[in-house]
């Protein structure tokens, strides 16, 4: 398993960022490749992805540790992926979002196409940074 970690500071209170992370319908606005997302109960979300030029559905289970502002997710269908969003207060009006993504490089290559090895890790890192910048913009605009 490979792990990638990134963070971004957002100009919004922790509760505003937390609420945005829990609105499945907002995912296509900040997660690249997600065409549509819908909640399917309290802990499940279905994502329709554009995966390497083809459509793919993925089911995700979300578990929270709300008192710690940690949201964990893992796929329950499709490629085996997992991750965590941790929100840390900087002050009353600023929040640090730490994202962790766990993946098997071979699984990602098979499911989504694209490069292998270092080039794949670099592409995932760029994508994660871009997603976090779009999350920041969304939270700050809507907050």
Protein backbone atom coordinates (compact mmCIF):
# COMPACT_ATOMS: atom_id res chain seq x y z
CA UNK A 1 0.00 0.00 0.00
CA UNK A 2 1.20 3.50 -0.79
CA UNK A 3 0.23 6.53 1.26
CA UNK A 4 0.07 10.16 0.29
CA UNK A 5 -0.52 12.99 2.76
CA UNK A 6 -1.20 16.66 1.99
CA UNK A 7 -2.71 19.58 3.86
CA UNK A 8 -4.20 23.00 3.19
CA UNK A 9 -5.24 25.90 5.40
CA UNK A 10 -8.76 27.21 4.86
CA UNK A 11 -10.11 30.62 5.84
CA UNK A 12 -13.24 29.26 7.51
CA UNK A 13 -14.23 27.85 10.90
CA UNK A 14 -13.79 24.13 11.45
CA UNK A 15 -17.59 23.53 11.52
CA UNK A 16 -17.97 25.03 8.03
CA UNK A 17 -15.26 22.80 6.55
CA UNK A 18 -16.67 19.75 8.39
CA UNK A 19 -20.16 20.38 6.98
CA UNK A 20 -18.82 20.69 3.42
CA UNK A 21 -16.92 17.38 3.68
CA UNK A 22 -20.17 15.67 4.66
CA UNK A 23 -22.27 16.94 1.74
CA UNK A 24 -21.91 14.25 -0.91
CA UNK A 25 -23.52 16.45 -3.56
CA UNK A 26 -20.55 18.85 -3.20
CA UNK A 27 -17.93 16.19 -4.06
CA UNK A 28 -18.04 16.75 -7.85
CA UNK A 29 -17.24 20.41 -7.19
CA UNK A 30 -13.86 19.64 -5.61
CA UNK A 31 -12.92 16.01 -6.36
CA UNK A 32 -11.49 15.57 -9.84
CA UNK A 33 -13.07 12.72 -11.76
CA UNK A 34 -16.26 12.58 -9.65
CA UNK A 35 -19.16 13.28 -12.01
CA UNK A 36 -21.93 12.67 -9.50
CA UNK A 37 -22.20 11.75 -5.82
CA UNK A 38 -25.17 10.84 -3.68
CA UNK A 39 -25.65 9.75 -0.10
CA UNK A 40 -27.12 6.32 0.36
CA UNK A 41 -27.85 6.34 4.05
CA UNK A 42 -25.94 7.75 6.96
CA UNK A 43 -22.58 6.10 6.25
CA UNK A 44 -22.63 5.29 2.55
CA UNK A 45 -22.04 7.37 -0.56
CA UNK A 46 -22.12 6.33 -4.20
CA UNK A 47 -19.73 8.05 -6.60
CA UNK A 48 -19.99 8.03 -10.38
CA UNK A 49 -16.45 8.47 -11.66
CA UNK A 50 -14.77 9.22 -14.93
CA UNK A 51 -12.02 6.62 -14.59
CA UNK A 52 -9.43 6.71 -17.32
CA UNK A 53 -11.97 7.70 -19.96
CA UNK A 54 -14.68 5.27 -18.87
CA UNK A 55 -17.51 5.52 -16.36
CA UNK A 56 -17.25 3.59 -13.12
CA UNK A 57 -19.40 3.47 -10.01
CA UNK A 58 -17.79 3.22 -6.59
CA UNK A 59 -19.43 2.79 -3.20
CA UNK A 60 -17.77 4.44 -0.24
CA UNK A 61 -18.26 3.85 3.47
CA UNK A 62 -17.65 6.84 5.71
CA UNK A 63 -16.91 6.64 9.41
CA UNK A 64 -16.53 9.69 11.59
CA UNK A 65 -14.83 10.51 14.80
CA UNK A 66 -16.74 13.75 15.11
CA UNK A 67 -15.35 14.70 18.49
CA UNK A 68 -11.89 14.59 16.91
CA UNK A 69 -12.99 16.06 13.54
CA UNK A 70 -11.72 13.02 11.64
CA UNK A 71 -13.58 11.53 8.68
CA UNK A 72 -12.37 8.15 7.42
CA UNK A 73 -13.50 6.63 4.15
CA UNK A 74 -12.92 3.40 2.27
CA UNK A 75 -14.31 1.93 -0.90
CA UNK A 76 -16.63 -1.06 -0.56
CA UNK A 77 -16.88 -1.65 -4.31
CA UNK A 78 -14.50 -0.94 -7.15
CA UNK A 79 -10.79 -0.40 -6.49
CA UNK A 80 -9.53 -0.85 -2.92
CA UNK A 81 -8.90 2.72 -1.73
CA UNK A 82 -9.05 4.44 1.65
CA UNK A 83 -8.33 7.78 3.19
CA UNK A 84 -8.80 10.24 5.99
CA UNK A 85 -9.65 13.90 6.33
CA UNK A 86 -8.56 15.43 9.63
CA UNK A 87 -9.60 18.97 10.48
CA UNK A 88 -7.50 20.96 12.93
CA UNK A 89 -8.43 24.40 14.21
CA UNK A 90 -5.80 27.05 13.60
CA UNK A 91 -7.93 29.73 15.24
CA UNK A 92 -11.65 30.58 15.31
CA UNK A 93 -11.74 31.50 11.60
CA UNK A 94 -9.12 29.19 10.07
CA UNK A 95 -8.86 25.41 9.70
CA UNK A 96 -6.13 23.07 8.52
CA UNK A 97 -7.41 20.15 6.44
CA UNK A 98 -5.06 17.18 6.40
CA UNK A 99 -5.83 14.56 3.75
CA UNK A 100 -4.39 11.06 3.66
CA UNK A 101 -4.89 8.73 0.68
CA UNK A 102 -4.01 5.02 0.80
CA UNK A 103 -3.83 3.03 -2.42
CA UNK A 104 -2.20 0.11 -4.14
CA UNK A 105 -0.39 1.40 -7.25
CA UNK A 106 -1.29 -1.68 -9.29
CA UNK A 107 -4.97 -1.37 -8.36
CA UNK A 108 -5.02 2.31 -9.34
CA UNK A 109 -3.34 1.51 -12.68
CA UNK A 110 -5.82 -1.29 -13.42
CA UNK A 111 -8.89 0.72 -12.37
CA UNK A 112 -8.05 4.16 -13.72
CA UNK A 113 -5.30 3.71 -16.29
CA UNK A 114 -2.43 6.13 -16.44
CA UNK A 115 1.23 5.80 -15.51
CA UNK A 116 2.98 3.45 -13.11
CA UNK A 117 5.63 4.01 -10.50
CA UNK A 118 6.98 7.47 -9.75
CA UNK A 119 4.92 9.09 -12.52
CA UNK A 120 1.73 7.66 -10.98
CA UNK A 121 2.64 8.91 -7.50
CA UNK A 122 3.40 12.36 -8.91
CA UNK A 123 0.06 12.44 -10.78
CA UNK A 124 -1.86 11.41 -7.64
CA UNK A 125 0.00 14.03 -5.59
CA UNK A 126 -0.84 16.77 -8.12
CA UNK A 127 -4.46 15.63 -8.16
CA UNK A 128 -4.72 15.66 -4.39
CA UNK A 129 -3.25 19.16 -4.17
CA UNK A 130 -5.67 20.37 -6.84
CA UNK A 131 -8.63 18.77 -5.03
CA UNK A 132 -7.62 20.44 -1.77
CA UNK A 133 -7.34 23.84 -3.48
CA UNK A 134 -10.85 23.41 -4.92
CA UNK A 135 -12.13 22.33 -1.47
CA UNK A 136 -10.59 25.47 0.03
CA UNK A 137 -12.27 27.66 -2.60
CA UNK A 138 -15.64 25.94 -2.08
CA UNK A 139 -15.57 26.19 1.71
CA UNK A 140 -14.42 29.80 1.71
CA UNK A 141 -17.07 30.82 -0.85
CA UNK A 142 -19.95 29.01 0.79
CA UNK A 143 -18.88 29.55 4.39
